[in-house]
Structure formats: structure tokens, C-alpha cells
PDB file of N, CA and C in Angstrom:
ATOM      1  N   MET A   1     -61.834 -47.654 -54.518  1.00  0.00           N
ATOM      2  CA  MET A   1     -60.876 -48.245 -53.634  1.00  0.00           C
ATOM      3  C   MET A   1     -59.525 -47.533 -53.736  1.00  0.00           C
ATOM      4  N   MET A   2     -59.082 -47.229 -54.966  1.00  0.00           N
ATOM      5  CA  MET A   2     -57.762 -46.617 -55.140  1.00  0.00           C
ATOM      6  C   MET A   2     -57.688 -45.231 -54.512  1.00  0.00           C
ATOM      7  N   HIS A   3     -58.810 -44.566 -54.374  1.00  0.00           N
ATOM      8  CA  HIS A   3     -58.804 -43.237 -53.745  1.00  0.00           C
ATOM      9  C   HIS A   3     -58.517 -43.332 -52.249  1.00  0.00           C
ATOM     10  N   ILE A   4     -58.643 -44.522 -51.701  1.00  0.00           N
ATOM     11  CA  ILE A   4     -58.247 -44.782 -50.318  1.00  0.00           C
ATOM     12  C   ILE A   4     -56.813 -45.290 -50.276  1.00  0.00           C
ATOM     13  N   VAL A   5     -56.486 -46.224 -51.155  1.00  0.00           N
ATOM     14  CA  VAL A   5     -55.176 -46.872 -51.155  1.00  0.00           C
ATOM     15  C   VAL A   5     -54.043 -45.913 -51.531  1.00  0.00           C
ATOM     16  N   VAL A   6     -54.230 -45.110 -52.553  1.00  0.00           N
ATOM     17  CA  VAL A   6     -53.159 -44.242 -53.062  1.00  0.00           C
ATOM     18  C   VAL A   6     -52.660 -43.254 -52.004  1.00  0.00           C
ATOM     19  N   PRO A   7     -53.537 -42.500 -51.329  1.00  0.00           N
ATOM     20  CA  PRO A   7     -53.029 -41.585 -50.298  1.00  0.00           C
ATOM     21  C   PRO A   7     -52.323 -42.310 -49.146  1.00  0.00           C
ATOM     22  N   LYS A   8     -52.857 -43.454 -48.749  1.00  0.00           N
ATOM     23  CA  LYS A   8     -52.227 -44.209 -47.659  1.00  0.00           C
ATOM     24  C   LYS A   8     -50.857 -44.723 -48.086  1.00  0.00           C
ATOM     25  N   ALA A   9     -50.753 -45.220 -49.303  1.00  0.00           N
ATOM     26  CA  ALA A   9     -49.460 -45.696 -49.811  1.00  0.00           C
ATOM     27  C   ALA A   9     -48.457 -44.546 -49.841  1.00  0.00           C
ATOM     28  N   ALA A  10     -48.895 -43.369 -50.250  1.00  0.00           N
ATOM     29  CA  ALA A  10     -48.007 -42.201 -50.283  1.00  0.00           C
ATOM     30  C   ALA A  10     -47.523 -41.850 -48.878  1.00  0.00           C
ATOM     31  N   GLN A  11     -48.394 -41.941 -47.882  1.00  0.00           N
ATOM     32  CA  GLN A  11     -47.986 -41.697 -46.493  1.00  0.00           C
ATOM     33  C   GLN A  11     -46.908 -42.674 -46.051  1.00  0.00           C
ATOM     34  N   LEU A  12     -46.930 -43.865 -46.635  1.00  0.00           N
ATOM     35  CA  LEU A  12     -45.951 -44.897 -46.284  1.00  0.00           C
ATOM     36  C   LEU A  12     -44.725 -44.870 -47.197  1.00  0.00           C
ATOM     37  N   GLY A  13     -44.657 -43.862 -48.088  1.00  0.00           N
ATOM     38  CA  GLY A  13     -43.475 -43.686 -48.917  1.00  0.00           C
ATOM     39  C   GLY A  13     -43.549 -44.276 -50.309  1.00  0.00           C
ATOM     40  N   TYR A  14     -44.702 -44.774 -50.710  1.00  0.00           N
ATOM     41  CA  TYR A  14     -44.845 -45.347 -52.056  1.00  0.00           C
ATOM     42  C   TYR A  14     -45.738 -44.446 -52.891  1.00  0.00           C
ATOM     43  N   ALA A  15     -45.184 -43.896 -53.949  1.00  0.00           N
ATOM     44  CA  ALA A  15     -45.951 -43.024 -54.841  1.00  0.00           C
ATOM     45  C   ALA A  15     -45.553 -43.322 -56.278  1.00  0.00           C
ATOM     46  N   PRO A  16     -46.315 -44.164 -56.979  1.00  0.00           N
ATOM     47  CA  PRO A  16     -45.968 -44.492 -58.362  1.00  0.00           C
ATOM     48  C   PRO A  16     -46.097 -43.281 -59.280  1.00  0.00           C
ATOM     49  N   ASP A  17     -45.384 -43.307 -60.386  1.00  0.00           N
ATOM     50  CA  ASP A  17     -45.473 -42.231 -61.365  1.00  0.00           C
ATOM     51  C   ASP A  17     -46.874 -42.158 -61.973  1.00  0.00           C
ATOM     52  N   PHE A  18     -47.530 -43.297 -62.071  1.00  0.00           N
ATOM     53  CA  PHE A  18     -48.871 -43.354 -62.659  1.00  0.00           C
ATOM     54  C   PHE A  18     -49.560 -44.606 -62.160  1.00  0.00           C
ATOM     55  N   TRP A  19     -50.844 -44.520 -61.971  1.00  0.00           N
ATOM     56  CA  TRP A  19     -51.643 -45.701 -61.664  1.00  0.00           C
ATOM     57  C   TRP A  19     -52.967 -45.599 -62.399  1.00  0.00           C
ATOM     58  N   ILE A  20     -53.518 -46.748 -62.687  1.00  0.00           N
ATOM     59  CA  ILE A  20     -54.802 -46.817 -63.391  1.00  0.00           C
ATOM     60  C   ILE A  20     -55.561 -48.021 -62.846  1.00  0.00           C
ATOM     61  N   SER A  21     -56.851 -47.916 -62.806  1.00  0.00           N
ATOM     62  CA  SER A  21     -57.696 -49.036 -62.396  1.00  0.00           C
ATOM     63  C   SER A  21     -58.761 -49.232 -63.477  1.00  0.00           C
ATOM     64  N   PRO A  22     -59.505 -50.320 -63.418  1.00  0.00           N
ATOM     65  CA  PRO A  22     -60.554 -50.523 -64.420  1.00  0.00           C
ATOM     66  C   PRO A  22     -61.534 -49.358 -64.523  1.00  0.00           C
ATOM     67  N   ASP A  23     -61.751 -48.651 -63.426  1.00  0.00           N
ATOM     68  CA  ASP A  23     -62.652 -47.488 -63.479  1.00  0.00           C
ATOM     69  C   ASP A  23     -62.144 -46.429 -64.453  1.00  0.00           C
ATOM     70  N   GLY A  24     -60.834 -46.349 -64.639  1.00  0.00           N
ATOM     71  CA  GLY A  24     -60.246 -45.354 -65.525  1.00  0.00           C
ATOM     72  C   GLY A  24     -60.315 -45.713 -66.995  1.00  0.00           C
ATOM     73  N   VAL A  25     -60.779 -46.921 -67.290  1.00  0.00           N
ATOM     74  CA  VAL A  25     -60.885 -47.368 -68.684  1.00  0.00           C
ATOM     75  C   VAL A  25     -62.282 -47.934 -68.955  1.00  0.00           C
ATOM     76  N   GLY A  26     -63.267 -47.261 -68.422  1.00  0.00           N
ATOM     77  CA  GLY A  26     -64.650 -47.660 -68.682  1.00  0.00           C
ATOM     78  C   GLY A  26     -65.036 -49.001 -68.105  1.00  0.00           C
ATOM     79  N   GLY A  27     -64.371 -49.417 -67.026  1.00  0.00           N
ATOM     80  CA  GLY A  27     -64.691 -50.696 -66.396  1.00  0.00           C
ATOM     81  C   GLY A  27     -64.099 -51.907 -67.078  1.00  0.00           C
ATOM     82  N   LYS A  28     -63.279 -51.682 -68.086  1.00  0.00           N
ATOM     83  CA  LYS A  28     -62.701 -52.805 -68.840  1.00  0.00           C
ATOM     84  C   LYS A  28     -61.267 -53.058 -68.386  1.00  0.00           C
ATOM     85  N   GLY A  29     -61.150 -53.739 -67.242  1.00  0.00           N
ATOM     86  CA  GLY A  29     -59.846 -54.121 -66.711  1.00  0.00           C
ATOM     87  C   GLY A  29     -59.348 -55.392 -67.377  1.00  0.00           C
ATOM     88  N   ARG A  30     -58.444 -56.091 -66.690  1.00  0.00           N
ATOM     89  CA  ARG A  30     -57.917 -57.331 -67.236  1.00  0.00           C
ATOM     90  C   ARG A  30     -59.054 -58.297 -67.561  1.00  0.00           C
ATOM     91  N   PRO A  31     -58.986 -59.009 -68.651  1.00  0.00           N
ATOM     92  CA  PRO A  31     -57.848 -59.205 -69.561  1.00  0.00           C
ATOM     93  C   PRO A  31     -57.754 -58.182 -70.688  1.00  0.00           C
ATOM     94  N   TYR A  32     -58.643 -57.190 -70.722  1.00  0.00           N
ATOM     95  CA  TYR A  32     -58.521 -56.156 -71.755  1.00  0.00           C
ATOM     96  C   TYR A  32     -57.189 -55.419 -71.576  1.00  0.00           C
ATOM     97  N   PRO A  33     -56.557 -54.959 -72.643  1.00  0.00           N
ATOM     98  CA  PRO A  33     -55.253 -54.311 -72.542  1.00  0.00           C
ATOM     99  C   PRO A  33     -55.296 -52.801 -72.303  1.00  0.00           C
ATOM    100  N   TYR A  34     -56.471 -52.253 -72.028  1.00  0.00           N
ATOM    101  CA  TYR A  34     -56.611 -50.803 -71.990  1.00  0.00           C
ATOM    102  C   TYR A  34     -55.818 -50.130 -70.874  1.00  0.00           C
ATOM    103  N   MET A  35     -55.632 -50.792 -69.739  1.00  0.00           N
ATOM    104  CA  MET A  35     -54.828 -50.191 -68.676  1.00  0.00           C
ATOM    105  C   MET A  35     -53.362 -50.112 -69.096  1.00  0.00           C
ATOM    106  N   ILE A  36     -52.890 -51.098 -69.859  1.00  0.00           N
ATOM    107  CA  ILE A  36     -51.523 -51.038 -70.387  1.00  0.00           C
ATOM    108  C   ILE A  36     -51.386 -49.836 -71.311  1.00  0.00           C
ATOM    109  N   PHE A  37     -52.365 -49.641 -72.192  1.00  0.00           N
ATOM    110  CA  PHE A  37     -52.297 -48.507 -73.120  1.00  0.00           C
ATOM    111  C   PHE A  37     -52.283 -47.178 -72.374  1.00  0.00           C
ATOM    112  N   GLU A  38     -53.066 -47.062 -71.312  1.00  0.00           N
ATOM    113  CA  GLU A  38     -53.081 -45.832 -70.517  1.00  0.00           C
ATOM    114  C   GLU A  38     -51.728 -45.589 -69.857  1.00  0.00           C
ATOM    115  N   ASN A  39     -51.096 -46.657 -69.379  1.00  0.00           N
ATOM    116  CA  ASN A  39     -49.754 -46.531 -68.804  1.00  0.00           C
ATOM    117  C   ASN A  39     -48.757 -46.070 -69.856  1.00  0.00           C
ATOM    118  N   LEU A  40     -48.807 -46.668 -71.028  1.00  0.00           N
ATOM    119  CA  LEU A  40     -47.895 -46.277 -72.104  1.00  0.00           C
ATOM    120  C   LEU A  40     -48.053 -44.803 -72.432  1.00  0.00           C
ATOM    121  N   ASN A  41     -49.283 -44.358 -72.537  1.00  0.00           N
ATOM    122  CA  ASN A  41     -49.560 -42.961 -72.865  1.00  0.00           C
ATOM    123  C   ASN A  41     -49.050 -42.028 -71.762  1.00  0.00           C
ATOM    124  N   ALA A  42     -49.403 -42.313 -70.523  1.00  0.00           N
ATOM    125  CA  ALA A  42     -49.035 -41.439 -69.405  1.00  0.00           C
ATOM    126  C   ALA A  42     -47.523 -41.364 -69.214  1.00  0.00           C
ATOM    127  N   LEU A  43     -46.830 -42.469 -69.454  1.00  0.00           N
ATOM    128  CA  LEU A  43     -45.384 -42.516 -69.237  1.00  0.00           C
ATOM    129  C   LEU A  43     -44.593 -42.237 -70.514  1.00  0.00           C
ATOM    130  N   GLU A  44     -45.317 -41.888 -71.578  1.00  0.00           N
ATOM    131  CA  GLU A  44     -44.721 -41.545 -72.865  1.00  0.00           C
ATOM    132  C   GLU A  44     -43.795 -42.643 -73.403  1.00  0.00           C
ATOM    133  N   VAL A  45     -44.280 -43.874 -73.321  1.00  0.00           N
ATOM    134  CA  VAL A  45     -43.573 -45.015 -73.888  1.00  0.00           C
ATOM    135  C   VAL A  45     -44.103 -45.211 -75.296  1.00  0.00           C
ATOM    136  N   SER A  46     -43.221 -45.175 -76.273  1.00  0.00           N
ATOM    137  CA  SER A  46     -43.658 -45.129 -77.667  1.00  0.00           C
ATOM    138  C   SER A  46     -44.044 -46.479 -78.258  1.00  0.00           C
ATOM    139  N   SER A  47     -43.653 -47.575 -77.641  1.00  0.00           N
ATOM    140  CA  SER A  47     -43.960 -48.882 -78.205  1.00  0.00           C
ATOM    141  C   SER A  47     -44.357 -49.858 -77.106  1.00  0.00           C
ATOM    142  N   VAL A  48     -45.389 -50.616 -77.363  1.00  0.00           N
ATOM    143  CA  VAL A  48     -45.818 -51.629 -76.403  1.00  0.00           C
ATOM    144  C   VAL A  48     -44.717 -52.677 -76.209  1.00  0.00           C
ATOM    145  N   LYS A  49     -43.832 -52.823 -77.171  1.00  0.00           N
ATOM    146  CA  LYS A  49     -42.724 -53.773 -77.037  1.00  0.00           C
ATOM    147  C   LYS A  49     -41.727 -53.343 -75.965  1.00  0.00           C
ATOM    148  N   ASN A  50     -41.803 -52.073 -75.531  1.00  0.00           N
ATOM    149  CA  ASN A  50     -40.946 -51.583 -74.456  1.00  0.00           C
ATOM    150  C   ASN A  50     -41.601 -51.713 -73.085  1.00  0.00           C
ATOM    151  N   ALA A  51     -42.786 -52.297 -73.056  1.00  0.00           N
ATOM    152  CA  ALA A  51     -43.513 -52.463 -71.798  1.00  0.00           C
ATOM    153  C   ALA A  51     -43.192 -53.818 -71.185  1.00  0.00           C
ATOM    154  N   VAL A  52     -43.221 -53.860 -69.875  1.00  0.00           N
ATOM    155  CA  VAL A  52     -43.061 -55.106 -69.131  1.00  0.00           C
ATOM    156  C   VAL A  52     -44.357 -55.341 -68.370  1.00  0.00           C
ATOM    157  N   LYS A  53     -44.984 -56.457 -68.602  1.00  0.00           N
ATOM    158  CA  LYS A  53     -46.208 -56.821 -67.895  1.00  0.00           C
ATOM    159  C   LYS A  53     -45.858 -57.899 -66.884  1.00  0.00           C
ATOM    160  N   VAL A  54     -46.164 -57.661 -65.615  1.00  0.00           N
ATOM    161  CA  VAL A  54     -45.909 -58.629 -64.559  1.00  0.00           C
ATOM    162  C   VAL A  54     -47.226 -58.934 -63.882  1.00  0.00           C
ATOM    163  N   GLY A  55     -47.490 -60.192 -63.653  1.00  0.00           N
ATOM    164  CA  GLY A  55     -48.725 -60.568 -62.991  1.00  0.00           C
ATOM    165  C   GLY A  55     -48.670 -62.001 -62.519  1.00  0.00           C
ATOM    166  N   ASP A  56     -49.731 -62.445 -61.861  1.00  0.00           N
ATOM    167  CA  ASP A  56     -49.745 -63.805 -61.338  1.00  0.00           C
ATOM    168  C   ASP A  56     -51.068 -64.524 -61.596  1.00  0.00           C
ATOM    169  N   THR A  57     -51.834 -64.030 -62.568  1.00  0.00           N
ATOM    170  CA  THR A  57     -53.100 -64.680 -62.898  1.00  0.00           C
ATOM    171  C   THR A  57     -53.198 -64.874 -64.414  1.00  0.00           C
ATOM    172  N   VAL A  58     -54.113 -65.722 -64.814  1.00  0.00           N
ATOM    173  CA  VAL A  58     -54.346 -65.952 -66.238  1.00  0.00           C
ATOM    174  C   VAL A  58     -54.759 -64.647 -66.915  1.00  0.00           C
ATOM    175  N   SER A  59     -55.620 -63.854 -66.262  1.00  0.00           N
ATOM    176  CA  SER A  59     -56.055 -62.602 -66.889  1.00  0.00           C
ATOM    177  C   SER A  59     -54.899 -61.613 -67.012  1.00  0.00           C
ATOM    178  N   ASP A  60     -53.915 -61.647 -66.092  1.00  0.00           N
ATOM    179  CA  ASP A  60     -52.713 -60.817 -66.235  1.00  0.00           C
ATOM    180  C   ASP A  60     -51.950 -61.192 -67.501  1.00  0.00           C
ATOM    181  N   ILE A  61     -51.786 -62.484 -67.716  1.00  0.00           N
ATOM    182  CA  ILE A  61     -51.059 -62.963 -68.896  1.00  0.00           C
ATOM    183  C   ILE A  61     -51.809 -62.572 -70.164  1.00  0.00           C
ATOM    184  N   GLN A  62     -53.127 -62.738 -70.153  1.00  0.00           N
ATOM    185  CA  GLN A  62     -53.930 -62.356 -71.313  1.00  0.00           C
ATOM    186  C   GLN A  62     -53.829 -60.863 -71.582  1.00  0.00           C
ATOM    187  N   GLU A  63     -53.821 -60.058 -70.526  1.00  0.00           N
ATOM    188  CA  GLU A  63     -53.722 -58.610 -70.692  1.00  0.00           C
ATOM    189  C   GLU A  63     -52.419 -58.245 -71.397  1.00  0.00           C
ATOM    190  N   GLY A  64     -51.306 -58.851 -71.004  1.00  0.00           N
ATOM    191  CA  GLY A  64     -50.009 -58.548 -71.604  1.00  0.00           C
ATOM    192  C   GLY A  64     -49.840 -59.132 -72.987  1.00  0.00           C
ATOM    193  N   SER A  65     -50.500 -60.241 -73.244  1.00  0.00           N
ATOM    194  CA  SER A  65     -50.359 -60.910 -74.538  1.00  0.00           C
ATOM    195  C   SER A  65     -51.147 -60.211 -75.638  1.00  0.00           C
ATOM    196  N   THR A  66     -52.299 -59.663 -75.292  1.00  0.00           N
ATOM    197  CA  THR A  66     -53.168 -59.052 -76.297  1.00  0.00           C
ATOM    198  C   THR A  66     -52.473 -57.947 -77.079  1.00  0.00           C
ATOM    199  N   PRO A  67     -51.840 -56.953 -76.413  1.00  0.00           N
ATOM    200  CA  PRO A  67     -51.192 -55.906 -77.197  1.00  0.00           C
ATOM    201  C   PRO A  67     -49.800 -56.289 -77.671  1.00  0.00           C
ATOM    202  N   GLY A  68     -49.290 -57.436 -77.232  1.00  0.00           N
ATOM    203  CA  GLY A  68     -47.966 -57.876 -77.653  1.00  0.00           C
ATOM    204  C   GLY A  68     -46.829 -57.222 -76.884  1.00  0.00           C
ATOM    205  N   CYS A  69     -46.977 -57.127 -75.579  1.00  0.00           N
ATOM    206  CA  CYS A  69     -45.897 -56.562 -74.767  1.00  0.00           C
ATOM    207  C   CYS A  69     -44.595 -57.296 -75.072  1.00  0.00           C
ATOM    208  N   GLY A  70     -43.520 -56.544 -75.146  1.00  0.00           N
ATOM    209  CA  GLY A  70     -42.231 -57.125 -75.484  1.00  0.00           C
ATOM    210  C   GLY A  70     -41.692 -58.055 -74.424  1.00  0.00           C
ATOM    211  N   ARG A  71     -42.082 -57.845 -73.172  1.00  0.00           N
ATOM    212  CA  ARG A  71     -41.594 -58.657 -72.067  1.00  0.00           C
ATOM    213  C   ARG A  71     -42.738 -58.851 -71.090  1.00  0.00           C
ATOM    214  N   TRP A  72     -42.719 -59.956 -70.415  1.00  0.00           N
ATOM    215  CA  TRP A  72     -43.679 -60.162 -69.349  1.00  0.00           C
ATOM    216  C   TRP A  72     -43.204 -61.254 -68.432  1.00  0.00           C
ATOM    217  N   GLY A  73     -43.756 -61.310 -67.263  1.00  0.00           N
ATOM    218  CA  GLY A  73     -43.321 -62.298 -66.287  1.00  0.00           C
ATOM    219  C   GLY A  73     -44.370 -62.508 -65.224  1.00  0.00           C
ATOM    220  N   TRP A  74     -44.044 -63.351 -64.296  1.00  0.00           N
ATOM    221  CA  TRP A  74     -44.944 -63.663 -63.195  1.00  0.00           C
ATOM    222  C   TRP A  74     -44.294 -63.266 -61.890  1.00  0.00           C
ATOM    223  N   SER A  75     -45.113 -62.952 -60.928  1.00  0.00           N
ATOM    224  CA  SER A  75     -44.592 -62.667 -59.604  1.00  0.00           C
ATOM    225  C   SER A  75     -44.529 -63.954 -58.787  1.00  0.00           C
ATOM    226  N   ARG A  76     -44.007 -63.858 -57.584  1.00  0.00           N
ATOM    227  CA  ARG A  76     -43.897 -64.978 -56.639  1.00  0.00           C
ATOM    228  C   ARG A  76     -42.983 -66.090 -57.133  1.00  0.00           C
ATOM    229  N   ALA A  77     -41.772 -65.759 -57.413  1.00  0.00           N
ATOM    230  CA  ALA A  77     -40.719 -66.721 -57.762  1.00  0.00           C
ATOM    231  C   ALA A  77     -41.031 -67.533 -59.013  1.00  0.00           C
ATOM    232  N   ALA A  78     -41.869 -67.023 -59.850  1.00  0.00           N
ATOM    233  CA  ALA A  78     -42.158 -67.697 -61.116  1.00  0.00           C
ATOM    234  C   ALA A  78     -41.200 -67.147 -62.175  1.00  0.00           C
ATOM    235  N   PRO A  79     -41.141 -67.790 -63.335  1.00  0.00           N
ATOM    236  CA  PRO A  79     -40.162 -67.360 -64.351  1.00  0.00           C
ATOM    237  C   PRO A  79     -40.412 -65.966 -64.899  1.00  0.00           C
ATOM    238  N   PHE A  80     -39.365 -65.334 -65.313  1.00  0.00           N
ATOM    239  CA  PHE A  80     -39.418 -64.057 -66.012  1.00  0.00           C
ATOM    240  C   PHE A  80     -38.510 -64.173 -67.209  1.00  0.00           C
ATOM    241  N   TRP A  81     -38.952 -63.667 -68.323  1.00  0.00           N
ATOM    242  CA  TRP A  81     -38.072 -63.669 -69.487  1.00  0.00           C
ATOM    243  C   TRP A  81     -38.229 -62.377 -70.254  1.00  0.00           C
ATOM    244  N   ALA A  82     -37.227 -62.072 -71.040  1.00  0.00           N
ATOM    245  CA  ALA A  82     -37.225 -60.831 -71.826  1.00  0.00           C
ATOM    246  C   ALA A  82     -37.111 -61.163 -73.296  1.00  0.00           C
TER     247      ALA A  82
END
């Protein structure tokens, strides 16, 4: 799916520095923390405590909680804290 979405998003002016999907981590997406680790590695972030996890599902929260992200929040006008 991302091989369709990414080029189209770029045509519309959105090009993230890095993206990862469950396919990039052996099919182990949320709630596993492996996509967070791949982001940290690709963006050369030295500590998971410097990561911000944002999501709107229980599995998003579990994904951010497992590695101990320093900050996390919810989308759609829900609380955010640091």
C-alpha cells in the first residue's frame, strides 16, 4: 500500500524524512515497538526518550509505552503531555 501512497503524497507536497510500515519489520507492526526503533535508527535519534509517539488507538499507546518513549500523545483534540 505504501508504494502507492508515498509517491502520491510526494506529488501533493508531502515527503517525510522516513517512513516505515509493518512490512519493513517482518510484519510486526503495532503494538510491537519495532517501527519506532527503525525510525530512531534512520533519523539517528540516540535515545527512545527523545521520541514522541502520537496515535489514536490502544495499539498506538502500547507501541509507545513498550520501549518507554519519553513523550506521547493522542490525535484528534485529545491530551498531549511531555
